[in-house]
Protein backbone atom coordinates (compact mmCIF):
# COMPACT_ATOMS: atom_id res chain seq x y z
CA UNK A 1 8.02 24.28 58.70
CA UNK A 2 5.99 26.32 56.51
CA UNK A 3 8.79 26.79 54.10
CA UNK A 4 9.41 23.11 53.92
CA UNK A 5 5.74 22.54 53.22
CA UNK A 6 5.81 25.14 50.28
CA UNK A 7 8.86 23.39 48.84
CA UNK A 8 7.25 19.93 48.92
CA UNK A 9 4.07 21.30 47.31
CA UNK A 10 6.03 22.96 44.59
CA UNK A 11 7.94 19.79 43.94
CA UNK A 12 4.82 17.65 43.44
CA UNK A 13 3.51 20.26 41.20
CA UNK A 14 6.62 19.96 39.18
CA UNK A 15 6.65 16.12 39.11
CA UNK A 16 2.94 16.03 38.01
CA UNK A 17 3.45 18.58 35.24
CA UNK A 18 6.50 16.63 34.05
CA UNK A 19 4.60 13.36 34.07
CA UNK A 20 1.62 14.82 32.26
CA UNK A 21 3.93 16.50 29.68
CA UNK A 22 5.63 13.04 29.20
CA UNK A 23 2.32 11.23 28.88
CA UNK A 24 1.21 13.62 26.14
CA UNK A 25 4.60 13.09 24.26
CA UNK A 26 3.95 9.14 24.43
CA UNK A 27 0.43 9.65 22.87
CA UNK A 28 1.54 11.40 19.82
CA UNK A 29 1.15 9.22 16.94
CA UNK A 30 2.49 9.17 13.57
CA UNK A 31 0.34 10.50 10.82
CA UNK A 32 -0.24 7.48 8.65
CA UNK A 33 -2.11 7.18 5.02
CA UNK A 34 -3.31 4.37 3.00
CA UNK A 35 -3.04 3.44 -0.72
CA UNK A 36 -4.99 0.73 -2.42
CA UNK A 37 -3.55 -0.56 -5.72
CA UNK A 38 -4.11 -3.45 -7.96
CA UNK A 39 -1.63 -4.50 -10.55
CA UNK A 40 -1.95 -8.20 -11.32
CA UNK A 41 -1.21 -10.96 -8.52
CA UNK A 42 -1.37 -9.26 -5.11
CA UNK A 43 1.65 -11.40 -4.02
CA UNK A 44 3.98 -9.44 -6.21
CA UNK A 45 2.96 -6.02 -5.14
CA UNK A 46 2.97 -7.12 -1.36
CA UNK A 47 6.40 -8.35 -1.82
CA UNK A 48 7.73 -5.27 -3.35
CA UNK A 49 6.01 -2.59 -1.15
CA UNK A 50 7.00 -4.46 1.94
CA UNK A 51 10.71 -3.35 1.04
CA UNK A 52 9.83 0.20 0.33
CA UNK A 53 11.02 2.76 3.24
CA UNK A 54 8.05 4.56 4.87
CA UNK A 55 5.60 1.66 4.41
CA UNK A 56 4.39 0.43 7.74
CA UNK A 57 2.24 -2.53 6.57
CA UNK A 58 0.92 -4.11 3.33
CA UNK A 59 -2.27 -6.18 3.22
CA UNK A 60 -3.31 -8.35 0.43
CA UNK A 61 -6.98 -8.29 -0.26
CA UNK A 62 -9.94 -7.50 -2.53
CA UNK A 63 -11.76 -4.38 -3.85
CA UNK A 64 -14.02 -3.14 -6.33
CA UNK A 65 -16.40 -5.94 -6.46
CA UNK A 66 -20.28 -6.38 -5.82
CA UNK A 67 -20.13 -9.22 -3.46
CA UNK A 68 -19.86 -8.89 0.30
CA UNK A 69 -16.95 -10.87 2.02
CA UNK A 70 -15.55 -12.51 -1.11
CA UNK A 71 -13.46 -15.59 -1.01
CA UNK A 72 -10.22 -15.99 -2.88
CA UNK A 73 -12.08 -19.05 -4.84
CA UNK A 74 -15.09 -16.67 -5.67
CA UNK A 75 -12.78 -13.72 -6.88
CA UNK A 76 -10.73 -16.16 -9.06
CA UNK A 77 -13.92 -16.89 -11.14
CA UNK A 78 -14.02 -13.27 -12.28
CA UNK A 79 -17.74 -13.04 -11.28
CA UNK A 80 -17.53 -10.99 -8.09
CA UNK A 81 -16.01 -7.82 -9.91
CA UNK A 82 -13.25 -7.63 -7.30
CA UNK A 83 -9.82 -7.02 -8.11
CA UNK A 84 -6.54 -8.30 -6.30
CA UNK A 85 -5.24 -5.53 -4.47
CA UNK A 86 -2.79 -4.54 -1.74
CA UNK A 87 -3.76 -1.90 0.81
CA UNK A 88 -0.46 0.01 2.03
CA UNK A 89 -0.04 1.95 5.13
CA UNK A 90 2.56 4.34 4.67
CA UNK A 91 4.20 7.49 6.45
CA UNK A 92 3.90 10.53 4.24
CA UNK A 93 6.70 12.17 6.08
CA UNK A 94 8.89 9.42 4.56
CA UNK A 95 7.32 8.60 1.29
CA UNK A 96 4.78 10.45 -0.63
CA UNK A 97 1.65 9.18 -2.41
CA UNK A 98 3.07 10.31 -5.56
CA UNK A 99 6.13 8.23 -4.93
CA UNK A 100 3.91 5.26 -4.04
CA UNK A 101 2.31 5.78 -7.36
CA UNK A 102 5.70 6.13 -9.26
CA UNK A 103 6.69 2.68 -7.90
CA UNK A 104 3.31 1.19 -8.99
CA UNK A 105 3.47 2.35 -12.61
CA UNK A 106 6.89 0.66 -13.07
CA UNK A 107 6.36 -2.69 -11.38
CA UNK A 108 3.62 -3.76 -13.58
CA UNK A 109 2.43 -3.26 -17.18
CA UNK A 110 -0.46 -0.62 -17.25
CA UNK A 111 -1.40 -1.22 -20.74
CA UNK A 112 -2.52 -4.75 -20.30
CA UNK A 113 -6.18 -5.09 -20.13
CA UNK A 114 -7.50 -7.39 -17.25
CA UNK A 115 -4.31 -9.34 -17.07
CA UNK A 116 -0.46 -9.26 -16.06
CA UNK A 117 1.48 -11.89 -18.04
CA UNK A 118 -0.02 -15.18 -17.61
CA UNK A 119 -2.41 -14.01 -14.85
CA UNK A 120 -5.65 -13.38 -16.94
CA UNK A 121 -9.04 -12.08 -15.78
CA UNK A 122 -10.65 -8.97 -14.15
CA UNK A 123 -9.33 -9.70 -10.97
CA UNK A 124 -5.93 -8.86 -12.27
CA UNK A 125 -6.86 -5.56 -13.88
CA UNK A 126 -4.60 -2.52 -13.23
CA UNK A 127 -6.34 -0.20 -10.79
CA UNK A 128 -6.01 2.73 -8.41
CA UNK A 129 -8.69 2.91 -5.67
CA UNK A 130 -8.21 6.45 -4.27
CA UNK A 131 -9.19 7.13 -0.55
CA UNK A 132 -9.99 11.06 -0.88
CA UNK A 133 -10.13 13.54 -3.35
CA UNK A 134 -6.39 14.53 -3.07
CA UNK A 135 -5.47 11.02 -4.03
CA UNK A 136 -7.86 11.20 -6.96
CA UNK A 137 -6.24 14.25 -8.47
CA UNK A 138 -2.74 12.93 -7.81
CA UNK A 139 -3.44 9.63 -9.68
CA UNK A 140 -5.17 11.41 -12.36
CA UNK A 141 -2.12 13.83 -12.78
CA UNK A 142 0.16 10.98 -12.51
CA UNK A 143 -1.50 8.83 -15.33
CA UNK A 144 -1.77 12.00 -17.63
CA UNK A 145 1.93 12.64 -17.11
CA UNK A 146 2.73 9.18 -18.31
CA UNK A 147 0.73 9.75 -21.37
CA UNK A 148 2.22 13.23 -21.94
CA UNK A 149 5.74 11.76 -21.71
CA UNK A 150 4.71 8.76 -23.87
CA UNK A 151 6.33 6.31 -21.37
CA UNK A 152 4.20 3.53 -22.92
CA UNK A 153 3.58 2.87 -26.69
CA UNK A 154 0.13 1.28 -25.89
CA UNK A 155 -2.61 3.20 -24.16
CA UNK A 156 -2.61 3.06 -20.40
CA UNK A 157 -5.84 1.16 -19.27
CA UNK A 158 -5.36 1.64 -15.77
CA UNK A 159 -8.63 2.20 -13.88
CA UNK A 160 -8.95 5.07 -11.31
CA UNK A 161 -11.99 4.66 -9.00
CA UNK A 162 -13.04 5.53 -5.52
CA UNK A 163 -12.57 2.90 -2.81
CA UNK A 164 -15.78 1.42 -1.59
CA UNK A 165 -14.68 -1.52 0.63
CA UNK A 166 -11.65 -3.25 0.86
CA UNK A 167 -11.57 -6.95 2.15
CA UNK A 168 -8.37 -8.62 3.62
CA UNK A 169 -7.54 -11.83 1.88
CA UNK A 170 -7.24 -15.01 3.56
CA UNK A 171 -4.50 -15.46 6.11
CA UNK A 172 -2.37 -17.84 3.81
CA UNK A 173 -2.12 -14.91 1.18
CA UNK A 174 -0.48 -12.38 3.69
CA UNK A 175 3.19 -12.09 3.65
CA UNK A 176 3.13 -14.69 0.98
CA UNK A 177 6.54 -14.37 -0.78
CA UNK A 178 8.39 -14.10 2.46
CA UNK A 179 6.72 -17.16 3.69
CA UNK A 180 6.84 -19.17 0.43
CA UNK A 181 10.07 -17.97 -1.45
CA UNK A 182 11.00 -21.32 -2.76
CA UNK A 183 7.49 -21.92 -4.23
CA UNK A 184 7.64 -22.19 -8.06
CA UNK A 185 5.41 -19.05 -8.77
CA UNK A 186 7.67 -16.96 -6.45
CA UNK A 187 10.85 -18.11 -8.02
CA UNK A 188 9.69 -17.62 -11.72
CA UNK A 189 7.45 -14.52 -11.21
CA UNK A 190 8.05 -12.52 -8.14
CA UNK A 191 11.98 -12.98 -7.40
CA UNK A 192 12.79 -11.47 -10.88
CA UNK A 193 10.44 -8.59 -10.13
CA UNK A 194 11.76 -8.16 -6.91
CA UNK A 195 15.27 -8.30 -8.07
CA UNK A 196 14.51 -5.50 -10.76
CA UNK A 197 12.92 -3.26 -8.32
CA UNK A 198 15.82 -3.54 -5.92
CA UNK A 199 18.25 -2.56 -8.73
CA UNK A 200 16.25 0.11 -10.12
CA UNK A 201 14.71 1.75 -7.04
CA UNK A 202 17.66 1.81 -4.52
CA UNK A 203 16.50 5.14 -3.29
CA UNK A 204 13.27 3.57 -1.91
CA UNK A 205 14.68 0.63 -0.40
CA UNK A 206 14.44 0.38 3.47
């Protein structure tokens, strides 16, 4: 009887230990990081980064301004100081911040001041908002490397600034291309950029 009781107690200990270990395993979360970038209309950047492997989510929004809780209409006036940006949540075990920037430099023109194509205004400026000092140093080094290699004939005007506050844009701006792919702007501007990206960056595609 005593032997059976000991076996039962040992079995319970093993079961509890197994459940506790299993619970710890389930609580282990992926280490994710964020990048906040502006390179013209946020719809374009959102559509591209959504298709990059290692990217968990992309949120269109506003950053770099001096007005609390800006609206799209206010940002479009160019008076709030905000830039249209995307905030990218990514898994650095799959894609590095450096690769995120490598894509960024090539999917917009960093030599155009306060515009991208026909989108004109400070809200469309080329900008990297870093989240920490490591990102700052990576961004500065990345920009300097482009200059050294003379990738662009004109000077790079991309702003590199610390992120203060990020405001998510209105709901209808989120997942815009996927929800409105037949819309004129999407067909004439975003679709060609997306096609070029898929052709040139196959190694980054999901």
